Amino acid sequence: MVKTVIVNVVSTANLQQKLDLHELEQFKEILHDEKIYGGRVAYFKIPAMEGKVSIFPSGKMISVGTKSETKAVEELSLAKDFLVSKKLINPVQFEPKVQNIVAVAEYDESINLVS
């Protein structure tokens, strides 16, 4: 018997508009630091979130750290809605896409990987 558990879902979305990451620094929900990747990314995180959302100046976003496709899409929507509510972007319809699912499998018995 195999027990499989999803440990990370990576999902992306495009806001179809550019952002000034320095504008985002004023909000406690967003981390933007010039020392992290030369300031080329900001991170959105609130306590209710399972993962975090990376936000790029191009308007592209990546959700990481969730354990379901549904949750990954929800967190991208949370980030988008936050940016709209703060008037940092215009409202937009986007299409989140699941890019990767990482799972761990546990087997009841040993597996010979050599032969």
Foldseek 3Di string as FASTA:
>chain_A
DKDKFWFKWKKKKAPQAFFDVVVVVVDPQKDFDCVPVNRQWIWGHDPVAQFIWIAGRRRMIMTMRDRDPVSSVVRVVVVLVVCVVVVRGPDDDMDMDTDDIDMDMDDPDDDDPPD
